[in-house]
Amino acid sequence: MANYPISIALDKKVHHFEVGEYPHHDENRCRYRVYEDGKLVASFEPDAQNYLYVCQNTAGLEEELLHLLADQIEAKLQHPGNKHLDLKDREQ
């Protein structure tokens, strides 16, 4: 998957991030890495329900900014369970 941009406005400042997904991750590397100005600033790992938690906060970003980032990344995730429910509902 290609990296994609996310912009977040917080406290009258707009942050421009680039998010990369690394599906073949391991315990030393997190699945979603977030870059700002080309530098790694944070990374996230999904739990069993695909909710993200902070894996690393290398830039010391504010907690509110981390929550907004996680929300934006989660919004881009596909939830296969939802697709199956939609298809099942259409068949009836």
N, C-alpha and C. Protein backbone atom coordinates (compact mmCIF):
# COMPACT_ATOMS: atom_id res chain seq x y z
N MET A 1 0.84 -1.18 0.00
CA MET A 1 0.00 0.00 0.00
C MET A 1 0.88 1.24 0.00
N ALA A 2 0.52 2.22 -0.81
CA ALA A 2 1.29 3.46 -0.89
C ALA A 2 1.01 4.33 0.32
N ASN A 3 1.98 5.18 0.65
CA ASN A 3 1.78 6.14 1.73
C ASN A 3 0.69 7.12 1.33
N TYR A 4 -0.01 7.65 2.32
CA TYR A 4 -1.06 8.62 2.04
C TYR A 4 -0.96 9.78 3.03
N PRO A 5 -1.40 10.98 2.59
CA PRO A 5 -1.30 12.16 3.45
C PRO A 5 -2.50 12.29 4.39
N ILE A 6 -2.24 12.88 5.54
CA ILE A 6 -3.28 13.25 6.50
C ILE A 6 -2.90 14.62 7.04
N SER A 7 -3.87 15.53 7.03
CA SER A 7 -3.66 16.86 7.61
C SER A 7 -4.60 17.01 8.79
N ILE A 8 -4.08 17.56 9.87
CA ILE A 8 -4.86 17.74 11.09
C ILE A 8 -4.62 19.14 11.62
N ALA A 9 -5.71 19.86 11.89
CA ALA A 9 -5.62 21.19 12.49
C ALA A 9 -5.83 21.05 14.00
N LEU A 10 -4.91 21.61 14.75
CA LEU A 10 -5.00 21.56 16.21
C LEU A 10 -4.36 22.83 16.76
N ASP A 11 -5.10 23.53 17.61
CA ASP A 11 -4.60 24.76 18.23
C ASP A 11 -4.10 25.76 17.19
N LYS A 12 -4.90 25.99 16.16
CA LYS A 12 -4.62 26.97 15.10
C LYS A 12 -3.37 26.64 14.28
N LYS A 13 -2.91 25.40 14.35
CA LYS A 13 -1.77 24.96 13.55
C LYS A 13 -2.19 23.73 12.76
N VAL A 14 -1.80 23.69 11.49
CA VAL A 14 -2.11 22.55 10.65
C VAL A 14 -0.87 21.67 10.54
N HIS A 15 -1.03 20.41 10.87
CA HIS A 15 0.05 19.43 10.79
C HIS A 15 -0.18 18.58 9.54
N HIS A 16 0.87 18.40 8.75
CA HIS A 16 0.78 17.58 7.55
C HIS A 16 1.63 16.33 7.76
N PHE A 17 0.96 15.19 7.73
CA PHE A 17 1.61 13.91 7.98
C PHE A 17 1.53 13.03 6.74
N GLU A 18 2.39 12.05 6.72
CA GLU A 18 2.34 11.00 5.72
C GLU A 18 2.31 9.68 6.48
N VAL A 19 1.36 8.82 6.12
CA VAL A 19 1.18 7.56 6.83
C VAL A 19 1.56 6.41 5.91
N GLY A 20 2.36 5.51 6.42
CA GLY A 20 2.73 4.31 5.69
C GLY A 20 2.24 3.08 6.43
N GLU A 21 1.71 2.14 5.67
CA GLU A 21 1.25 0.88 6.26
C GLU A 21 2.25 -0.21 5.93
N TYR A 22 2.63 -0.97 6.93
CA TYR A 22 3.60 -2.04 6.78
C TYR A 22 2.95 -3.35 7.22
N PRO A 23 2.28 -4.04 6.29
CA PRO A 23 1.51 -5.23 6.67
C PRO A 23 2.36 -6.39 7.16
N HIS A 24 3.62 -6.43 6.78
CA HIS A 24 4.50 -7.54 7.21
C HIS A 24 5.35 -7.07 8.38
N HIS A 25 4.67 -6.56 9.41
CA HIS A 25 5.37 -6.03 10.57
C HIS A 25 5.73 -7.16 11.54
N ASP A 26 6.55 -6.84 12.50
CA ASP A 26 6.89 -7.78 13.57
C ASP A 26 6.89 -7.00 14.88
N GLU A 27 7.31 -7.64 15.97
CA GLU A 27 7.24 -6.96 17.26
C GLU A 27 8.22 -5.80 17.39
N ASN A 28 9.19 -5.68 16.49
CA ASN A 28 10.13 -4.57 16.54
C ASN A 28 9.69 -3.38 15.70
N ARG A 29 8.72 -3.59 14.82
CA ARG A 29 8.24 -2.51 13.94
C ARG A 29 6.71 -2.49 14.01
N CYS A 30 6.16 -1.30 14.09
CA CYS A 30 4.71 -1.15 14.19
C CYS A 30 4.10 -1.14 12.79
N ARG A 31 2.81 -1.40 12.72
CA ARG A 31 2.14 -1.55 11.43
C ARG A 31 1.97 -0.22 10.69
N TYR A 32 1.60 0.84 11.39
CA TYR A 32 1.38 2.14 10.75
C TYR A 32 2.42 3.13 11.27
N ARG A 33 3.18 3.69 10.34
CA ARG A 33 4.20 4.67 10.71
C ARG A 33 3.80 6.03 10.18
N VAL A 34 3.99 7.05 11.01
CA VAL A 34 3.57 8.40 10.67
C VAL A 34 4.81 9.29 10.58
N TYR A 35 4.89 10.03 9.47
CA TYR A 35 6.03 10.90 9.21
C TYR A 35 5.55 12.34 9.09
N GLU A 36 6.38 13.26 9.56
CA GLU A 36 6.14 14.69 9.37
C GLU A 36 7.46 15.28 8.90
N ASP A 37 7.41 15.97 7.77
CA ASP A 37 8.62 16.53 7.15
C ASP A 37 9.68 15.45 6.92
N GLY A 38 9.23 14.25 6.57
CA GLY A 38 10.14 13.15 6.26
C GLY A 38 10.72 12.41 7.45
N LYS A 39 10.37 12.84 8.66
CA LYS A 39 10.90 12.20 9.87
C LYS A 39 9.81 11.38 10.55
N LEU A 40 10.17 10.22 11.05
CA LEU A 40 9.24 9.38 11.79
C LEU A 40 8.88 10.09 13.09
N VAL A 41 7.56 10.31 13.30
CA VAL A 41 7.12 11.01 14.52
C VAL A 41 6.31 10.11 15.44
N ALA A 42 5.64 9.11 14.87
CA ALA A 42 4.82 8.21 15.69
C ALA A 42 4.51 6.95 14.90
N SER A 43 4.07 5.94 15.60
CA SER A 43 3.60 4.72 14.93
C SER A 43 2.48 4.12 15.75
N PHE A 44 1.65 3.35 15.06
CA PHE A 44 0.46 2.76 15.69
C PHE A 44 0.38 1.28 15.36
N GLU A 45 -0.31 0.58 16.22
CA GLU A 45 -0.52 -0.86 16.07
C GLU A 45 -2.00 -1.13 16.31
N PRO A 46 -2.66 -1.94 15.45
CA PRO A 46 -4.07 -2.25 15.68
C PRO A 46 -4.25 -3.36 16.71
N ASP A 47 -5.37 -3.28 17.45
CA ASP A 47 -5.71 -4.38 18.34
C ASP A 47 -6.62 -5.35 17.57
N ALA A 48 -7.20 -6.31 18.24
CA ALA A 48 -8.02 -7.33 17.58
C ALA A 48 -9.25 -6.75 16.88
N GLN A 49 -9.74 -5.59 17.34
CA GLN A 49 -10.90 -4.96 16.71
C GLN A 49 -10.50 -3.86 15.73
N ASN A 50 -9.22 -3.78 15.39
CA ASN A 50 -8.66 -2.77 14.49
C ASN A 50 -8.72 -1.35 15.04
N TYR A 51 -8.79 -1.20 16.37
CA TYR A 51 -8.63 0.11 16.98
C TYR A 51 -7.13 0.29 17.19
N LEU A 52 -6.64 1.48 16.87
CA LEU A 52 -5.21 1.72 16.95
C LEU A 52 -4.79 2.21 18.32
N TYR A 53 -3.63 1.77 18.73
CA TYR A 53 -3.01 2.31 19.93
C TYR A 53 -1.60 2.75 19.57
N VAL A 54 -1.08 3.69 20.33
CA VAL A 54 0.24 4.25 20.05
C VAL A 54 1.29 3.20 20.35
N CYS A 55 2.11 2.93 19.37
CA CYS A 55 3.20 1.98 19.51
C CYS A 55 4.49 2.75 19.86
N GLN A 56 4.68 3.88 19.20
CA GLN A 56 5.83 4.76 19.47
C GLN A 56 5.40 6.21 19.28
N ASN A 57 5.93 7.08 20.10
CA ASN A 57 5.72 8.52 19.96
C ASN A 57 7.09 9.17 19.98
N THR A 58 7.85 8.96 18.92
CA THR A 58 9.25 9.38 18.88
C THR A 58 9.42 10.89 18.92
N ALA A 59 8.42 11.65 18.46
CA ALA A 59 8.52 13.12 18.45
C ALA A 59 7.88 13.75 19.67
N GLY A 60 7.28 12.94 20.54
CA GLY A 60 6.62 13.49 21.72
C GLY A 60 5.40 14.32 21.36
N LEU A 61 4.62 13.85 20.40
CA LEU A 61 3.41 14.57 19.99
C LEU A 61 2.41 14.61 21.13
N GLU A 62 1.58 15.68 21.14
CA GLU A 62 0.54 15.82 22.15
C GLU A 62 -0.44 14.65 22.05
N GLU A 63 -0.99 14.26 23.19
CA GLU A 63 -1.92 13.13 23.22
C GLU A 63 -3.13 13.37 22.33
N GLU A 64 -3.66 14.59 22.33
CA GLU A 64 -4.83 14.90 21.50
C GLU A 64 -4.52 14.73 20.01
N LEU A 65 -3.33 15.14 19.61
CA LEU A 65 -2.92 14.99 18.22
C LEU A 65 -2.79 13.51 17.85
N LEU A 66 -2.27 12.71 18.76
CA LEU A 66 -2.16 11.27 18.54
C LEU A 66 -3.54 10.63 18.37
N HIS A 67 -4.50 11.06 19.19
CA HIS A 67 -5.87 10.53 19.07
C HIS A 67 -6.48 10.90 17.72
N LEU A 68 -6.28 12.14 17.29
CA LEU A 68 -6.82 12.57 16.00
C LEU A 68 -6.17 11.80 14.85
N LEU A 69 -4.87 11.56 14.96
CA LEU A 69 -4.18 10.75 13.95
C LEU A 69 -4.75 9.35 13.89
N ALA A 70 -4.91 8.73 15.05
CA ALA A 70 -5.45 7.37 15.09
C ALA A 70 -6.85 7.33 14.47
N ASP A 71 -7.68 8.33 14.78
CA ASP A 71 -9.02 8.39 14.21
C ASP A 71 -8.99 8.47 12.69
N GLN A 72 -8.09 9.28 12.15
CA GLN A 72 -7.98 9.44 10.70
C GLN A 72 -7.49 8.15 10.04
N ILE A 73 -6.53 7.50 10.65
CA ILE A 73 -6.01 6.24 10.09
C ILE A 73 -7.09 5.16 10.16
N GLU A 74 -7.77 5.06 11.29
CA GLU A 74 -8.84 4.06 11.43
C GLU A 74 -9.94 4.28 10.40
N ALA A 75 -10.22 5.53 10.07
CA ALA A 75 -11.26 5.83 9.09
C ALA A 75 -10.90 5.29 7.71
N LYS A 76 -9.62 5.15 7.43
CA LYS A 76 -9.18 4.63 6.14
C LYS A 76 -9.11 3.11 6.10
N LEU A 77 -9.17 2.47 7.27
CA LEU A 77 -9.08 1.01 7.32
C LEU A 77 -10.37 0.40 6.81
N GLN A 78 -10.23 -0.69 6.10
CA GLN A 78 -11.40 -1.41 5.66
C GLN A 78 -11.73 -2.46 6.70
N HIS A 79 -12.99 -2.56 7.03
CA HIS A 79 -13.45 -3.54 8.00
C HIS A 79 -14.24 -4.60 7.27
N PRO A 80 -13.60 -5.73 6.96
CA PRO A 80 -14.26 -6.77 6.17
C PRO A 80 -15.59 -7.23 6.74
N GLY A 81 -15.74 -7.22 8.05
CA GLY A 81 -16.99 -7.64 8.65
C GLY A 81 -18.16 -6.80 8.17
N ASN A 82 -17.94 -5.50 8.02
CA ASN A 82 -18.99 -4.61 7.56
C ASN A 82 -19.40 -4.94 6.13
N LYS A 83 -18.46 -5.26 5.27
CA LYS A 83 -18.77 -5.61 3.89
C LYS A 83 -19.67 -6.84 3.84
N HIS A 84 -19.35 -7.84 4.64
CA HIS A 84 -20.12 -9.06 4.63
C HIS A 84 -21.55 -8.80 5.13
N LEU A 85 -21.69 -7.95 6.10
CA LEU A 85 -23.02 -7.63 6.61
C LEU A 85 -23.84 -6.92 5.54
N ASP A 86 -23.20 -5.97 4.82
CA ASP A 86 -23.90 -5.26 3.76
C ASP A 86 -24.37 -6.21 2.67
N LEU A 87 -23.52 -7.13 2.25
CA LEU A 87 -23.87 -8.07 1.21
C LEU A 87 -25.01 -8.97 1.66
N LYS A 88 -24.96 -9.41 2.91
CA LYS A 88 -26.00 -10.28 3.42
C LYS A 88 -27.35 -9.56 3.44
N ASP A 89 -27.32 -8.27 3.84
CA ASP A 89 -28.55 -7.49 3.88
C ASP A 89 -29.13 -7.29 2.48
N ARG A 90 -28.29 -7.13 1.47
CA ARG A 90 -28.76 -6.92 0.10
C ARG A 90 -29.43 -8.16 -0.48
N GLU A 91 -29.03 -9.32 -0.02
CA GLU A 91 -29.57 -10.57 -0.55
C GLU A 91 -31.01 -10.80 -0.10
N GLN A 92 -31.40 -10.17 0.99
CA GLN A 92 -32.74 -10.42 1.56
C GLN A 92 -33.79 -9.58 0.87
